[in-house]
C-alpha atoms as a PDB file:
ATOM      1  CA  MET A   1     108.354 101.674  96.427  1.00  0.00           C
ATOM      2  CA  ARG A   2     110.668 103.702  94.429  1.00  0.00           C
ATOM      3  CA  ARG A   3     110.347 101.828  90.926  1.00  0.00           C
ATOM      4  CA  PRO A   4     106.661 102.539  90.763  1.00  0.00           C
ATOM      5  CA  ILE A   5     106.998 106.306  91.496  1.00  0.00           C
ATOM      6  CA  LEU A   6     109.867 106.538  88.952  1.00  0.00           C
ATOM      7  CA  LEU A   7     107.411 104.578  86.405  1.00  0.00           C
ATOM      8  CA  PHE A   8     104.966 107.406  87.240  1.00  0.00           C
ATOM      9  CA  VAL A   9     106.956 110.019  86.861  1.00  0.00           C
ATOM     10  CA  ALA A  10     108.304 108.895  83.406  1.00  0.00           C
ATOM     11  CA  LEU A  11     104.793 108.647  82.050  1.00  0.00           C
ATOM     12  CA  THR A  12     104.030 112.253  83.396  1.00  0.00           C
ATOM     13  CA  LEU A  13     107.057 113.549  81.340  1.00  0.00           C
ATOM     14  CA  VAL A  14     105.641 111.432  78.266  1.00  0.00           C
ATOM     15  CA  ALA A  15     102.241 112.954  78.637  1.00  0.00           C
ATOM     16  CA  SER A  16     103.681 116.609  79.003  1.00  0.00           C
ATOM     17  CA  VAL A  17     105.452 116.262  75.629  1.00  0.00           C
ATOM     18  CA  ALA A  18     102.359 114.763  73.943  1.00  0.00           C
ATOM     19  CA  VAL A  19     100.276 117.685  75.081  1.00  0.00           C
ATOM     20  CA  ALA A  20     102.560 120.146  74.281  1.00  0.00           C
ATOM     21  CA  GLN A  21     102.625 118.770  70.668  1.00  0.00           C
ATOM     22  CA  GLU A  22      98.726 119.313  70.457  1.00  0.00           C
ATOM     23  CA  ASP A  23      98.390 115.573  69.852  1.00  0.00           C
ATOM     24  CA  GLU A  24      94.406 114.943  69.492  1.00  0.00           C
ATOM     25  CA  ARG A  25      92.656 111.617  69.004  1.00  0.00           C
ATOM     26  CA  PRO A  26      88.838 110.820  69.428  1.00  0.00           C
ATOM     27  CA  ASN A  27      88.233 109.236  72.920  1.00  0.00           C
ATOM     28  CA  SER A  28      85.540 108.431  74.979  1.00  0.00           C
ATOM     29  CA  LEU A  29      85.668 111.256  77.541  1.00  0.00           C
ATOM     30  CA  ALA A  30      82.002 112.302  77.021  1.00  0.00           C
ATOM     31  CA  ALA A  31      78.841 112.900  79.009  1.00  0.00           C
ATOM     32  CA  GLY A  32      76.923 109.582  79.752  1.00  0.00           C
ATOM     33  CA  ASN A  33      79.718 107.331  78.890  1.00  0.00           C
ATOM     34  CA  TRP A  34      80.509 104.482  81.628  1.00  0.00           C
ATOM     35  CA  ALA A  35      83.686 102.709  82.116  1.00  0.00           C
ATOM     36  CA  LEU A  36      84.803  99.387  83.940  1.00  0.00           C
ATOM     37  CA  MET A  37      88.074 100.039  85.532  1.00  0.00           C
ATOM     38  CA  PHE A  38      90.716  97.220  86.040  1.00  0.00           C
ATOM     39  CA  ALA A  39      94.097  97.147  87.704  1.00  0.00           C
ATOM     40  CA  ILE A  40      97.073  95.937  85.991  1.00  0.00           C
ATOM     41  CA  SER A  41      99.111  93.393  88.255  1.00  0.00           C
ATOM     42  CA  GLN A  42     102.489  92.501  87.899  1.00  0.00           C
ATOM     43  CA  ASN A  43     101.676  89.352  85.919  1.00  0.00           C
ATOM     44  CA  PHE A  44      99.647  91.427  83.446  1.00  0.00           C
ATOM     45  CA  THR A  45      96.465  90.252  84.742  1.00  0.00           C
ATOM     46  CA  LEU A  46      93.299  92.311  85.257  1.00  0.00           C
ATOM     47  CA  ASP A  47      91.928  92.802  88.771  1.00  0.00           C
ATOM     48  CA  PRO A  48      89.075  95.275  89.921  1.00  0.00           C
ATOM     49  CA  PHE A  49      90.988  98.786  89.994  1.00  0.00           C
ATOM     50  CA  GLN A  50      89.305 100.527  93.147  1.00  0.00           C
ATOM     51  CA  GLY A  51      87.833  97.822  95.438  1.00  0.00           C
ATOM     52  CA  GLY A  52      88.050  94.003  95.181  1.00  0.00           C
ATOM     53  CA  SER A  53      84.711  93.311  93.912  1.00  0.00           C
ATOM     54  CA  LEU A  54      83.759  95.871  91.296  1.00  0.00           C
ATOM     55  CA  SER A  55      85.032  99.222  89.939  1.00  0.00           C
ATOM     56  CA  MET A  56      83.153 101.623  87.538  1.00  0.00           C
ATOM     57  CA  LYS A  57      83.376 105.378  86.308  1.00  0.00           C
ATOM     58  CA  ARG A  58      80.679 107.488  84.919  1.00  0.00           C
ATOM     59  CA  HIS A  59      81.195 110.722  82.977  1.00  0.00           C
ATOM     60  CA  PHE A  60      78.805 113.896  83.476  1.00  0.00           C
ATOM     61  CA  SER A  61      80.971 115.872  81.037  1.00  0.00           C
ATOM     62  CA  ASP A  62      84.169 115.371  78.942  1.00  0.00           C
ATOM     63  CA  LYS A  63      86.132 116.717  81.973  1.00  0.00           C
ATOM     64  CA  ALA A  64      84.315 115.408  85.012  1.00  0.00           C
ATOM     65  CA  ALA A  65      83.277 112.015  86.443  1.00  0.00           C
ATOM     66  CA  LEU A  66      82.316 110.111  89.285  1.00  0.00           C
ATOM     67  CA  ARG A  67      83.774 106.624  89.988  1.00  0.00           C
ATOM     68  CA  ALA A  68      83.295 103.992  92.545  1.00  0.00           C
ATOM     69  CA  GLY A  69      84.719 100.841  93.868  1.00  0.00           C
ATOM     70  CA  ILE A  70      82.743  98.417  95.831  1.00  0.00           C
ATOM     71  CA  ASP A  71      84.375  95.608  97.784  1.00  0.00           C
ATOM     72  CA  PHE A  72      82.542  92.973  99.863  1.00  0.00           C
ATOM     73  CA  GLY A  73      83.319  89.482 100.919  1.00  0.00           C
ATOM     74  CA  VAL A  74      81.481  86.557 102.647  1.00  0.00           C
ATOM     75  CA  ASN A  75      83.662  83.619 104.296  1.00  0.00           C
ATOM     76  CA  SER A  76      81.856  80.567 106.429  1.00  0.00           C
ATOM     77  CA  ASN A  77      83.701  77.397 107.465  1.00  0.00           C
ATOM     78  CA  GLU A  78      83.473  74.622 109.777  1.00  0.00           C
ATOM     79  CA  SER A  79      86.094  72.365 111.538  1.00  0.00           C
ATOM     80  CA  SER A  80      86.771  69.582 113.641  1.00  0.00           C
ATOM     81  CA  ALA A  81      89.667  67.574 115.267  1.00  0.00           C
ATOM     82  CA  ALA A  82      89.758  64.462 117.228  1.00  0.00           C
ATOM     83  CA  THR A  83      93.212  64.558 119.184  1.00  0.00           C
ATOM     84  CA  THR A  84      93.473  64.018 123.200  1.00  0.00           C
ATOM     85  CA  VAL A  85      90.904  66.843 123.542  1.00  0.00           C
ATOM     86  CA  GLU A  86      87.897  66.943 121.002  1.00  0.00           C
ATOM     87  CA  GLN A  87      87.674  70.248 119.306  1.00  0.00           C
ATOM     88  CA  SER A  88      85.112  71.866 116.756  1.00  0.00           C
ATOM     89  CA  GLY A  89      84.537  75.010 115.558  1.00  0.00           C
ATOM     90  CA  THR A  90      82.692  77.204 113.110  1.00  0.00           C
ATOM     91  CA  ASN A  91      83.750  80.774 111.677  1.00  0.00           C
ATOM     92  CA  ASP A  92      81.251  83.098 109.677  1.00  0.00           C
ATOM     93  CA  ALA A  93      82.242  86.556 108.637  1.00  0.00           C
ATOM     94  CA  TYR A  94      81.484  89.490 106.205  1.00  0.00           C
ATOM     95  CA  SER A  95      82.750  92.827 104.961  1.00  0.00           C
ATOM     96  CA  PHE A  96      81.851  95.799 102.837  1.00  0.00           C
ATOM     97  CA  GLN A  97      83.677  98.578 101.560  1.00  0.00           C
ATOM     98  CA  LEU A  98      82.530 101.499  99.276  1.00  0.00           C
ATOM     99  CA  GLU A  99      84.891 103.966  97.946  1.00  0.00           C
ATOM    100  CA  GLY A 100      83.733 107.185  95.795  1.00  0.00           C
ATOM    101  CA  LEU A 101      85.551 109.719  93.945  1.00  0.00           C
ATOM    102  CA  TYR A 102      85.149 113.026  91.809  1.00  0.00           C
ATOM    103  CA  GLN A 103      87.656 112.914  88.980  1.00  0.00           C
ATOM    104  CA  ARG A 104      88.474 115.811  86.890  1.00  0.00           C
ATOM    105  CA  TYR A 105      90.193 115.831  83.565  1.00  0.00           C
ATOM    106  CA  THR A 106      92.437 118.889  82.507  1.00  0.00           C
ATOM    107  CA  SER A 107      92.508 118.390  78.856  1.00  0.00           C
ATOM    108  CA  PRO A 108      89.929 116.013  77.273  1.00  0.00           C
ATOM    109  CA  GLY A 109      90.241 115.161  73.830  1.00  0.00           C
ATOM    110  CA  ARG A 110      93.752 114.421  73.670  1.00  0.00           C
ATOM    111  CA  THR A 111      95.570 111.166  73.625  1.00  0.00           C
ATOM    112  CA  ILE A 112      97.043 111.649  76.858  1.00  0.00           C
ATOM    113  CA  ASN A 113      95.156 113.334  79.749  1.00  0.00           C
ATOM    114  CA  PHE A 114      96.157 114.530  83.341  1.00  0.00           C
ATOM    115  CA  TYR A 115      93.572 114.209  85.862  1.00  0.00           C
ATOM    116  CA  TRP A 116      93.017 114.565  89.543  1.00  0.00           C
ATOM    117  CA  GLY A 117      90.554 113.425  92.080  1.00  0.00           C
ATOM    118  CA  ALA A 118      89.051 113.555  95.443  1.00  0.00           C
ATOM    119  CA  GLY A 119      86.715 111.694  97.662  1.00  0.00           C
ATOM    120  CA  ALA A 120      85.933 109.395 100.675  1.00  0.00           C
ATOM    121  CA  TYR A 121      85.581 105.946 101.899  1.00  0.00           C
ATOM    122  CA  GLY A 122      83.742 103.528 104.327  1.00  0.00           C
ATOM    123  CA  GLY A 123      83.832  99.977 105.484  1.00  0.00           C
ATOM    124  CA  TYR A 124      82.343  97.474 108.018  1.00  0.00           C
ATOM    125  CA  SER A 125      83.071  93.830 108.884  1.00  0.00           C
ATOM    126  CA  ASP A 126      81.597  91.621 111.235  1.00  0.00           C
ATOM    127  CA  ARG A 127      82.961  88.314 112.454  1.00  0.00           C
ATOM    128  CA  THR A 128      81.406  85.349 114.387  1.00  0.00           C
ATOM    129  CA  ALA A 129      83.563  82.454 115.591  1.00  0.00           C
ATOM    130  CA  GLU A 130      82.441  79.543 118.020  1.00  0.00           C
ATOM    131  CA  SER A 131      84.764  76.899 119.373  1.00  0.00           C
ATOM    132  CA  ARG A 132      84.512  74.109 121.785  1.00  0.00           C
ATOM    133  CA  ALA A 133      87.345  72.163 123.348  1.00  0.00           C
ATOM    134  CA  ASP A 134      85.835  69.236 125.279  1.00  0.00           C
ATOM    135  CA  SER A 135      83.255  70.827 127.445  1.00  0.00           C
ATOM    136  CA  THR A 136      84.257  74.618 127.337  1.00  0.00           C
ATOM    137  CA  LEU A 137      82.556  76.760 124.923  1.00  0.00           C
ATOM    138  CA  TYR A 138      83.959  79.829 123.223  1.00  0.00           C
ATOM    139  CA  ARG A 139      82.141  82.406 121.333  1.00  0.00           C
ATOM    140  CA  ASP A 140      83.873  84.978 119.671  1.00  0.00           C
ATOM    141  CA  GLU A 141      82.186  88.319 118.212  1.00  0.00           C
ATOM    142  CA  ALA A 142      84.155  91.169 116.296  1.00  0.00           C
ATOM    143  CA  THR A 143      83.049  94.101 114.555  1.00  0.00           C
ATOM    144  CA  SER A 144      84.936  96.899 112.826  1.00  0.00           C
ATOM    145  CA  TYR A 145      84.402 100.397 111.318  1.00  0.00           C
ATOM    146  CA  SER A 146      86.339 102.540 108.878  1.00  0.00           C
ATOM    147  CA  PHE A 147      85.901 105.809 107.258  1.00  0.00           C
ATOM    148  CA  GLY A 148      88.408 108.521 105.533  1.00  0.00           C
ATOM    149  CA  ALA A 149      89.091 110.786 102.683  1.00  0.00           C
ATOM    150  CA  SER A 150      91.333 110.138  99.747  1.00  0.00           C
ATOM    151  CA  GLY A 151      93.022 111.864  96.672  1.00  0.00           C
ATOM    152  CA  LEU A 152      94.787 111.323  93.430  1.00  0.00           C
ATOM    153  CA  LEU A 153      96.729 112.440  90.550  1.00  0.00           C
ATOM    154  CA  GLY A 154      96.928 110.735  87.540  1.00  0.00           C
ATOM    155  CA  VAL A 155      97.664 110.359  83.822  1.00  0.00           C
ATOM    156  CA  GLU A 156      95.569 108.448  80.959  1.00  0.00           C
ATOM    157  CA  PHE A 157      96.517 107.503  77.633  1.00  0.00           C
ATOM    158  CA  PHE A 158      94.237 105.991  75.170  1.00  0.00           C
ATOM    159  CA  ALA A 159      95.435 103.084  73.113  1.00  0.00           C
ATOM    160  CA  ALA A 160      92.077 103.397  71.292  1.00  0.00           C
ATOM    161  CA  ARG A 161      88.725 105.585  71.393  1.00  0.00           C
ATOM    162  CA  SER A 162      87.294 102.882  74.024  1.00  0.00           C
ATOM    163  CA  ILE A 163      90.381 101.813  75.878  1.00  0.00           C
ATOM    164  CA  GLY A 164      92.488 103.855  78.257  1.00  0.00           C
ATOM    165  CA  ILE A 165      95.311 102.903  80.004  1.00  0.00           C
ATOM    166  CA  HIS A 166      96.185 105.079  83.373  1.00  0.00           C
ATOM    167  CA  ALA A 167      98.839 105.565  86.026  1.00  0.00           C
ATOM    168  CA  GLU A 168      97.872 107.275  89.346  1.00  0.00           C
ATOM    169  CA  TYR A 169      99.366 108.254  92.682  1.00  0.00           C
ATOM    170  CA  GLN A 170      96.971 108.177  95.554  1.00  0.00           C
ATOM    171  CA  GLY A 171      97.022 109.028  98.967  1.00  0.00           C
ATOM    172  CA  SER A 172      94.582 108.722 102.082  1.00  0.00           C
ATOM    173  CA  VAL A 173      93.741 109.376 105.750  1.00  0.00           C
ATOM    174  CA  GLY A 174      91.448 107.491 107.856  1.00  0.00           C
ATOM    175  CA  TYR A 175      90.067 106.579 111.010  1.00  0.00           C
ATOM    176  CA  SER A 176      88.995 103.050 112.095  1.00  0.00           C
ATOM    177  CA  TRP A 177      87.595 101.586 115.491  1.00  0.00           C
ATOM    178  CA  SER A 178      86.901  97.877 116.559  1.00  0.00           C
ATOM    179  CA  GLU A 179      85.184  95.895 119.168  1.00  0.00           C
ATOM    180  CA  SER A 180      85.570  92.338 119.886  1.00  0.00           C
ATOM    181  CA  VAL A 181      83.955  90.097 122.645  1.00  0.00           C
ATOM    182  CA  ARG A 182      84.806  86.589 123.805  1.00  0.00           C
ATOM    183  CA  HIS A 183      82.140  84.577 125.845  1.00  0.00           C
ATOM    184  CA  ALA A 184      83.296  81.362 127.502  1.00  0.00           C
ATOM    185  CA  GLU A 185      81.109  78.991 128.979  1.00  0.00           C
ATOM    186  CA  ARG A 186      82.394  76.180 131.387  1.00  0.00           C
ATOM    187  CA  PRO A 187      80.475  73.664 133.359  1.00  0.00           C
ATOM    188  CA  GLY A 188      80.570  74.652 137.229  1.00  0.00           C
ATOM    189  CA  VAL A 189      81.860  78.098 136.571  1.00  0.00           C
ATOM    190  CA  PRO A 190      80.066  81.316 135.842  1.00  0.00           C
ATOM    191  CA  ASP A 191      80.002  82.423 132.416  1.00  0.00           C
ATOM    192  CA  SER A 192      82.532  85.170 131.393  1.00  0.00           C
ATOM    193  CA  ASP A 193      82.848  87.889 129.061  1.00  0.00           C
ATOM    194  CA  LEU A 194      86.039  89.778 127.862  1.00  0.00           C
ATOM    195  CA  THR A 195      85.661  92.949 125.720  1.00  0.00           C
ATOM    196  CA  ARG A 196      88.456  94.698 123.650  1.00  0.00           C
ATOM    197  CA  ASP A 197      88.152  97.843 121.953  1.00  0.00           C
ATOM    198  CA  GLY A 198      90.789  99.658 119.465  1.00  0.00           C
ATOM    199  CA  SER A 199      90.586 102.543 117.261  1.00  0.00           C
ATOM    200  CA  GLY A 200      92.913 104.818 115.584  1.00  0.00           C
ATOM    201  CA  TRP A 201      93.856 107.272 112.590  1.00  0.00           C
ATOM    202  CA  SER A 202      96.120 105.962 109.651  1.00  0.00           C
ATOM    203  CA  ILE A 203      97.806 107.677 106.774  1.00  0.00           C
ATOM    204  CA  GLY A 204      98.540 106.068 103.517  1.00  0.00           C
ATOM    205  CA  GLY A 205     100.234 107.182 100.366  1.00  0.00           C
ATOM    206  CA  GLY A 206     103.190 106.694  98.208  1.00  0.00           C
ATOM    207  CA  TRP A 207     101.802 103.999  96.236  1.00  0.00           C
ATOM    208  CA  VAL A 208     101.112 104.261  92.489  1.00  0.00           C
ATOM    209  CA  ARG A 209      98.406 102.028  90.658  1.00  0.00           C
ATOM    210  CA  PHE A 210      98.253 101.036  87.085  1.00  0.00           C
ATOM    211  CA  GLY A 211      95.051 100.013  85.166  1.00  0.00           C
ATOM    212  CA  LEU A 212      92.995  99.998  82.121  1.00  0.00           C
ATOM    213  CA  SER A 213      89.342 101.220  81.563  1.00  0.00           C
ATOM    214  CA  ALA A 214      87.030  99.973  79.239  1.00  0.00           C
ATOM    215  CA  TYR A 215      84.341 102.725  78.268  1.00  0.00           C
ATOM    216  CA  PHE A 216      81.123 101.933  76.561  1.00  0.00           C
END
């Protein structure tokens, strides 16, 4: 945790020097421009920056932009096993999360720019599983919801007019709740349902993300 924070501080100091020197270079911080945002992982591969499926940004001026990250997933599988007890099962799940942020640059037109941002996120997931062990059938259903607010501070370096490399420090506060129901059916025994609920607040922060933006 300490190492990424130190790298972020170092980039901030470099940016301060560049701004003080009035360093200017043409960049893509202009109204109407879009950018695909990628995260730079430890092995230098590129992944979506904000959300696991798609990360984009659109500028409404040289200083103001809106960006969004969309994360969605679908999973479905079946299994079976023949031991002393015959077992089989199915599992279907999907999830969706959307995060939107307003981003503000302090000095557009320079090689290195400071920016800040604030926004909100929300997510939903659903899972249904069915399993059978001999004559007993279990059916599990679970849903969860989450929402919250997030904020960030960052610095972006333009290696070329349409390529920005950025580092940002982000934090969030959110609330989530979930419900799960297990339904059991056994021959000669009344069906039963077991319901569980959970909820709580969470605070996240202290992480630094490094990324690359390709403008068009």
